[in-house]
Structure formats: C-alpha cells, structure tokens
Amino acid sequence: MAKYKELIVFNKADELAFNIYKITESFPKNETFGLTFQIRKAALSIPTNIVEGYARRSKKELAQFINISLGSLAETEYLLEFSKRLGYLKTDTSQIEALMNEVGKLLWSFYRSL
C-alpha cells in the first residue's frame, strides 16, 4: 500500500474530488467539455498532486506539489461558486464547502510542516 494513503490530507482531498464528481453529474450536457470538465479537473488535481509530490521522495518537491494542490483547491472553490451562480447545483453544498475548508487547513498544515 502506498504511504500517501495513510495521510489524512490525502483522504480528505480524495473525498472532496469524489463529491465534486458526484454533484457535477447533474450539470447540463452542454457543459461536459466546459465547466464540468474544468471543476472536475481542478478537484482531482488536489489529491493527485499530493500523490505525485509524495512519490518524489524530496521534501522540497513535496512542498511544491502541496502548493499546487492549494492552487487547485482555490480554483475548485471558485468554480463551485460560479456553478452556484449559474444555477447548476441542485443540492445543498454546505458539506462540500466545509470539506473544502478542512482540506485547505490540512494542506496548509502539511505545507508548513515540510
């Protein structure tokens, strides 16, 4: 088993990406290659950058990839808000927003620990 799977920050980021995929299933079909693709890509970039950084076996490189994850989180937050403004979200997003906040705190803590 890969050691990154033991990281709380990875598991929470993975949960966030999964939830973003689920809530975007209801987006309009004409957004498949637009907003749906963009928000999914941003959300999935958070855990995948943790995985890639962890695989580099260097604290400096890991810190760089955690920094990229933070940028992807910010992008995900913006795209979620933009989707809400367009009326694409049919469900309450408070749990996802809380999860994004938690992931952000975990990422910053992890980054500072390196």
N, C-alpha and C. Protein backbone atom coordinates (compact mmCIF):
# COMPACT_ATOMS: atom_id res chain seq x y z
N MET A 1 0.84 -1.18 0.00
CA MET A 1 0.00 0.00 0.00
C MET A 1 0.89 1.24 0.00
N ALA A 2 0.54 2.20 -0.80
CA ALA A 2 1.29 3.44 -0.86
C ALA A 2 1.09 4.23 0.43
N LYS A 3 2.16 4.81 0.93
CA LYS A 3 2.11 5.53 2.21
C LYS A 3 1.23 6.78 2.16
N TYR A 4 1.08 7.41 0.99
CA TYR A 4 0.24 8.59 0.91
C TYR A 4 -1.20 8.29 1.31
N LYS A 5 -1.62 7.04 1.16
CA LYS A 5 -2.99 6.66 1.52
C LYS A 5 -3.23 6.76 3.02
N GLU A 6 -2.16 6.83 3.80
CA GLU A 6 -2.28 6.97 5.24
C GLU A 6 -2.44 8.42 5.67
N LEU A 7 -2.23 9.35 4.76
CA LEU A 7 -2.33 10.77 5.07
C LEU A 7 -3.78 11.23 5.16
N ILE A 8 -4.13 11.87 6.24
CA ILE A 8 -5.49 12.41 6.39
C ILE A 8 -5.77 13.41 5.28
N VAL A 9 -4.80 14.26 4.98
CA VAL A 9 -5.00 15.28 3.95
C VAL A 9 -5.31 14.64 2.60
N PHE A 10 -4.64 13.53 2.27
CA PHE A 10 -4.94 12.85 1.01
C PHE A 10 -6.36 12.30 1.02
N ASN A 11 -6.75 11.64 2.10
CA ASN A 11 -8.08 11.03 2.17
C ASN A 11 -9.19 12.07 2.09
N LYS A 12 -8.99 13.21 2.73
CA LYS A 12 -10.00 14.28 2.67
C LYS A 12 -10.04 14.89 1.26
N ALA A 13 -8.88 15.07 0.63
CA ALA A 13 -8.84 15.61 -0.73
C ALA A 13 -9.49 14.65 -1.72
N ASP A 14 -9.27 13.36 -1.50
CA ASP A 14 -9.88 12.33 -2.34
C ASP A 14 -11.41 12.37 -2.18
N GLU A 15 -11.86 12.50 -0.95
CA GLU A 15 -13.30 12.59 -0.67
C GLU A 15 -13.90 13.82 -1.36
N LEU A 16 -13.19 14.93 -1.31
CA LEU A 16 -13.66 16.15 -1.96
C LEU A 16 -13.78 15.94 -3.47
N ALA A 17 -12.75 15.39 -4.09
CA ALA A 17 -12.78 15.14 -5.54
C ALA A 17 -13.95 14.23 -5.92
N PHE A 18 -14.16 13.19 -5.13
CA PHE A 18 -15.26 12.26 -5.38
C PHE A 18 -16.61 12.99 -5.31
N ASN A 19 -16.78 13.82 -4.28
CA ASN A 19 -18.03 14.57 -4.12
C ASN A 19 -18.25 15.56 -5.25
N ILE A 20 -17.19 16.20 -5.71
CA ILE A 20 -17.32 17.12 -6.84
C ILE A 20 -17.77 16.36 -8.08
N TYR A 21 -17.19 15.20 -8.31
CA TYR A 21 -17.62 14.38 -9.45
C TYR A 21 -19.10 14.05 -9.34
N LYS A 22 -19.56 13.68 -8.16
CA LYS A 22 -20.96 13.30 -7.98
C LYS A 22 -21.91 14.48 -8.21
N ILE A 23 -21.58 15.66 -7.65
CA ILE A 23 -22.53 16.77 -7.79
C ILE A 23 -22.53 17.35 -9.19
N THR A 24 -21.48 17.13 -9.95
CA THR A 24 -21.46 17.67 -11.31
C THR A 24 -22.14 16.75 -12.32
N GLU A 25 -22.58 15.59 -11.87
CA GLU A 25 -23.31 14.68 -12.77
C GLU A 25 -24.60 15.33 -13.29
N SER A 26 -25.14 16.26 -12.51
CA SER A 26 -26.40 16.89 -12.92
C SER A 26 -26.19 18.17 -13.75
N PHE A 27 -24.94 18.54 -14.01
CA PHE A 27 -24.69 19.73 -14.83
C PHE A 27 -25.24 19.51 -16.24
N PRO A 28 -25.60 20.58 -16.93
CA PRO A 28 -26.11 20.44 -18.29
C PRO A 28 -25.11 19.74 -19.21
N LYS A 29 -25.62 18.97 -20.13
CA LYS A 29 -24.77 18.22 -21.07
C LYS A 29 -23.90 19.14 -21.90
N ASN A 30 -24.39 20.35 -22.17
CA ASN A 30 -23.57 21.28 -22.98
C ASN A 30 -22.35 21.80 -22.21
N GLU A 31 -22.27 21.48 -20.92
CA GLU A 31 -21.11 21.87 -20.10
C GLU A 31 -20.10 20.74 -19.94
N THR A 32 -20.34 19.60 -20.59
CA THR A 32 -19.46 18.44 -20.44
C THR A 32 -18.00 18.80 -20.67
N PHE A 33 -17.72 19.56 -21.71
CA PHE A 33 -16.34 19.92 -22.03
C PHE A 33 -16.00 21.34 -21.58
N GLY A 34 -16.89 21.92 -20.80
CA GLY A 34 -16.67 23.26 -20.27
C GLY A 34 -16.50 23.22 -18.77
N LEU A 35 -17.50 23.75 -18.09
CA LEU A 35 -17.43 23.89 -16.64
C LEU A 35 -17.32 22.53 -15.92
N THR A 36 -18.05 21.53 -16.39
CA THR A 36 -17.99 20.22 -15.74
C THR A 36 -16.57 19.67 -15.78
N PHE A 37 -15.96 19.73 -16.96
CA PHE A 37 -14.58 19.26 -17.11
C PHE A 37 -13.63 20.06 -16.23
N GLN A 38 -13.79 21.38 -16.23
CA GLN A 38 -12.86 22.25 -15.51
C GLN A 38 -12.91 22.04 -14.00
N ILE A 39 -14.11 21.97 -13.42
CA ILE A 39 -14.21 21.80 -11.97
C ILE A 39 -13.75 20.41 -11.55
N ARG A 40 -14.06 19.41 -12.36
CA ARG A 40 -13.60 18.06 -12.04
C ARG A 40 -12.07 17.98 -12.11
N LYS A 41 -11.50 18.58 -13.12
CA LYS A 41 -10.04 18.58 -13.27
C LYS A 41 -9.38 19.28 -12.08
N ALA A 42 -9.92 20.41 -11.68
CA ALA A 42 -9.35 21.16 -10.55
C ALA A 42 -9.45 20.35 -9.26
N ALA A 43 -10.62 19.75 -9.02
CA ALA A 43 -10.82 18.97 -7.79
C ALA A 43 -9.94 17.74 -7.76
N LEU A 44 -9.81 17.06 -8.89
CA LEU A 44 -8.99 15.85 -8.94
C LEU A 44 -7.51 16.18 -8.84
N SER A 45 -7.14 17.38 -9.21
CA SER A 45 -5.75 17.82 -9.13
C SER A 45 -5.27 17.93 -7.68
N ILE A 46 -6.19 18.14 -6.75
CA ILE A 46 -5.79 18.28 -5.35
C ILE A 46 -5.17 16.98 -4.83
N PRO A 47 -5.89 15.85 -4.86
CA PRO A 47 -5.26 14.62 -4.36
C PRO A 47 -4.16 14.09 -5.27
N THR A 48 -4.28 14.27 -6.59
CA THR A 48 -3.24 13.73 -7.47
C THR A 48 -1.91 14.45 -7.28
N ASN A 49 -1.93 15.72 -6.95
CA ASN A 49 -0.68 16.42 -6.67
C ASN A 49 -0.07 15.98 -5.35
N ILE A 50 -0.91 15.62 -4.40
CA ILE A 50 -0.39 15.06 -3.14
C ILE A 50 0.33 13.74 -3.45
N VAL A 51 -0.30 12.90 -4.25
CA VAL A 51 0.29 11.61 -4.63
C VAL A 51 1.61 11.81 -5.37
N GLU A 52 1.60 12.70 -6.36
CA GLU A 52 2.81 12.91 -7.15
C GLU A 52 3.94 13.50 -6.29
N GLY A 53 3.61 14.47 -5.46
CA GLY A 53 4.61 15.06 -4.60
C GLY A 53 5.18 14.06 -3.62
N TYR A 54 4.33 13.23 -3.08
CA TYR A 54 4.77 12.21 -2.12
C TYR A 54 5.70 11.21 -2.80
N ALA A 55 5.44 10.91 -4.06
CA ALA A 55 6.26 9.95 -4.80
C ALA A 55 7.65 10.49 -5.12
N ARG A 56 7.84 11.79 -5.05
CA ARG A 56 9.14 12.39 -5.40
C ARG A 56 10.20 12.15 -4.33
N ARG A 57 9.81 11.83 -3.13
CA ARG A 57 10.73 11.50 -2.04
C ARG A 57 11.67 12.64 -1.65
N SER A 58 11.23 13.86 -1.91
CA SER A 58 12.01 15.03 -1.52
C SER A 58 11.05 16.03 -0.87
N LYS A 59 11.40 16.54 0.30
CA LYS A 59 10.52 17.49 0.98
C LYS A 59 10.31 18.75 0.16
N LYS A 60 11.35 19.20 -0.52
CA LYS A 60 11.24 20.40 -1.34
C LYS A 60 10.24 20.19 -2.49
N GLU A 61 10.35 19.06 -3.16
CA GLU A 61 9.42 18.78 -4.25
C GLU A 61 8.00 18.53 -3.72
N LEU A 62 7.90 17.83 -2.60
CA LEU A 62 6.59 17.60 -2.00
C LEU A 62 5.93 18.93 -1.67
N ALA A 63 6.69 19.86 -1.10
CA ALA A 63 6.14 21.18 -0.77
C ALA A 63 5.64 21.88 -2.03
N GLN A 64 6.36 21.74 -3.13
CA GLN A 64 5.94 22.36 -4.39
C GLN A 64 4.59 21.78 -4.85
N PHE A 65 4.44 20.48 -4.75
CA PHE A 65 3.19 19.84 -5.18
C PHE A 65 2.03 20.15 -4.22
N ILE A 66 2.32 20.30 -2.94
CA ILE A 66 1.27 20.70 -1.99
C ILE A 66 0.83 22.12 -2.32
N ASN A 67 1.77 22.96 -2.70
CA ASN A 67 1.44 24.32 -3.11
C ASN A 67 0.53 24.31 -4.35
N ILE A 68 0.80 23.43 -5.28
CA ILE A 68 -0.06 23.28 -6.47
C ILE A 68 -1.45 22.81 -6.04
N SER A 69 -1.51 21.88 -5.08
CA SER A 69 -2.80 21.41 -4.56
C SER A 69 -3.60 22.57 -3.96
N LEU A 70 -2.92 23.45 -3.26
CA LEU A 70 -3.60 24.63 -2.70
C LEU A 70 -4.19 25.51 -3.80
N GLY A 71 -3.45 25.68 -4.88
CA GLY A 71 -3.97 26.44 -6.02
C GLY A 71 -5.17 25.76 -6.65
N SER A 72 -5.11 24.46 -6.76
CA SER A 72 -6.24 23.70 -7.32
C SER A 72 -7.46 23.77 -6.42
N LEU A 73 -7.23 23.80 -5.12
CA LEU A 73 -8.34 23.96 -4.18
C LEU A 73 -9.01 25.32 -4.38
N ALA A 74 -8.21 26.36 -4.52
CA ALA A 74 -8.77 27.69 -4.75
C ALA A 74 -9.57 27.72 -6.05
N GLU A 75 -9.05 27.08 -7.08
CA GLU A 75 -9.76 27.00 -8.36
C GLU A 75 -11.09 26.25 -8.19
N THR A 76 -11.07 25.16 -7.45
CA THR A 76 -12.28 24.38 -7.21
C THR A 76 -13.32 25.22 -6.47
N GLU A 77 -12.87 25.95 -5.46
CA GLU A 77 -13.78 26.81 -4.69
C GLU A 77 -14.45 27.84 -5.60
N TYR A 78 -13.65 28.49 -6.44
CA TYR A 78 -14.21 29.48 -7.34
C TYR A 78 -15.21 28.85 -8.32
N LEU A 79 -14.82 27.72 -8.92
CA LEU A 79 -15.70 27.09 -9.91
C LEU A 79 -16.99 26.58 -9.28
N LEU A 80 -16.94 26.14 -8.04
CA LEU A 80 -18.15 25.72 -7.34
C LEU A 80 -19.07 26.93 -7.15
N GLU A 81 -18.51 28.03 -6.71
CA GLU A 81 -19.30 29.25 -6.53
C GLU A 81 -19.88 29.73 -7.87
N PHE A 82 -19.09 29.67 -8.91
CA PHE A 82 -19.55 30.07 -10.25
C PHE A 82 -20.71 29.17 -10.70
N SER A 83 -20.58 27.88 -10.43
CA SER A 83 -21.65 26.92 -10.78
C SER A 83 -22.93 27.24 -10.04
N LYS A 84 -22.80 27.65 -8.77
CA LYS A 84 -23.98 28.03 -8.00
C LYS A 84 -24.65 29.26 -8.61
N ARG A 85 -23.85 30.23 -9.02
CA ARG A 85 -24.41 31.45 -9.63
C ARG A 85 -25.15 31.14 -10.93
N LEU A 86 -24.70 30.13 -11.65
CA LEU A 86 -25.36 29.73 -12.88
C LEU A 86 -26.61 28.88 -12.63
N GLY A 87 -26.80 28.45 -11.38
CA GLY A 87 -27.95 27.63 -11.04
C GLY A 87 -27.79 26.16 -11.40
N TYR A 88 -26.55 25.72 -11.56
CA TYR A 88 -26.29 24.34 -11.96
C TYR A 88 -26.35 23.36 -10.79
N LEU A 89 -26.19 23.85 -9.59
CA LEU A 89 -26.18 22.96 -8.44
C LEU A 89 -27.57 22.80 -7.87
N LYS A 90 -28.02 21.57 -7.85
CA LYS A 90 -29.37 21.26 -7.40
C LYS A 90 -29.42 20.85 -5.93
N THR A 91 -28.26 20.71 -5.31
CA THR A 91 -28.20 20.25 -3.92
C THR A 91 -27.51 21.29 -3.04
N ASP A 92 -27.68 21.12 -1.76
CA ASP A 92 -27.02 21.97 -0.77
C ASP A 92 -25.52 21.66 -0.82
N THR A 93 -24.71 22.69 -0.89
CA THR A 93 -23.26 22.49 -0.99
C THR A 93 -22.53 22.79 0.31
N SER A 94 -23.24 22.97 1.40
CA SER A 94 -22.59 23.34 2.66
C SER A 94 -21.60 22.27 3.14
N GLN A 95 -21.91 21.00 2.94
CA GLN A 95 -20.99 19.94 3.36
C GLN A 95 -19.72 19.96 2.51
N ILE A 96 -19.87 20.19 1.23
CA ILE A 96 -18.69 20.26 0.35
C ILE A 96 -17.87 21.50 0.69
N GLU A 97 -18.53 22.60 0.98
CA GLU A 97 -17.81 23.81 1.35
C GLU A 97 -17.05 23.62 2.66
N ALA A 98 -17.65 22.91 3.60
CA ALA A 98 -16.96 22.61 4.87
C ALA A 98 -15.77 21.69 4.61
N LEU A 99 -15.95 20.73 3.72
CA LEU A 99 -14.86 19.81 3.37
C LEU A 99 -13.73 20.57 2.68
N MET A 100 -14.05 21.51 1.81
CA MET A 100 -13.02 22.33 1.17
C MET A 100 -12.24 23.12 2.20
N ASN A 101 -12.95 23.67 3.17
CA ASN A 101 -12.29 24.43 4.24
C ASN A 101 -11.35 23.52 5.03
N GLU A 102 -11.81 22.32 5.34
CA GLU A 102 -10.98 21.36 6.08
C GLU A 102 -9.75 20.96 5.26
N VAL A 103 -9.94 20.68 3.98
CA VAL A 103 -8.82 20.32 3.12
C VAL A 103 -7.81 21.47 3.06
N GLY A 104 -8.30 22.68 2.97
CA GLY A 104 -7.41 23.84 2.95
C GLY A 104 -6.56 23.93 4.20
N LYS A 105 -7.18 23.76 5.34
CA LYS A 105 -6.44 23.79 6.61
C LYS A 105 -5.41 22.67 6.69
N LEU A 106 -5.81 21.48 6.26
CA LEU A 106 -4.89 20.34 6.29
C LEU A 106 -3.71 20.55 5.34
N LEU A 107 -4.00 21.07 4.15
CA LEU A 107 -2.93 21.33 3.19
C LEU A 107 -1.94 22.35 3.73
N TRP A 108 -2.46 23.45 4.31
CA TRP A 108 -1.57 24.47 4.87
C TRP A 108 -0.74 23.90 6.01
N SER A 109 -1.34 23.11 6.87
CA SER A 109 -0.59 22.49 7.98
C SER A 109 0.49 21.57 7.45
N PHE A 110 0.13 20.78 6.45
CA PHE A 110 1.10 19.86 5.87
C PHE A 110 2.24 20.63 5.21
N TYR A 111 1.89 21.67 4.47
CA TYR A 111 2.90 22.51 3.79
C TYR A 111 3.87 23.12 4.81
N ARG A 112 3.33 23.66 5.89
CA ARG A 112 4.17 24.30 6.91
C ARG A 112 5.05 23.28 7.63
N SER A 113 4.60 22.03 7.70
CA SER A 113 5.39 21.01 8.39
C SER A 113 6.59 20.54 7.59
N LEU A 114 6.58 20.86 6.31
CA LEU A 114 7.69 20.38 5.46
C LEU A 114 8.86 21.29 5.63
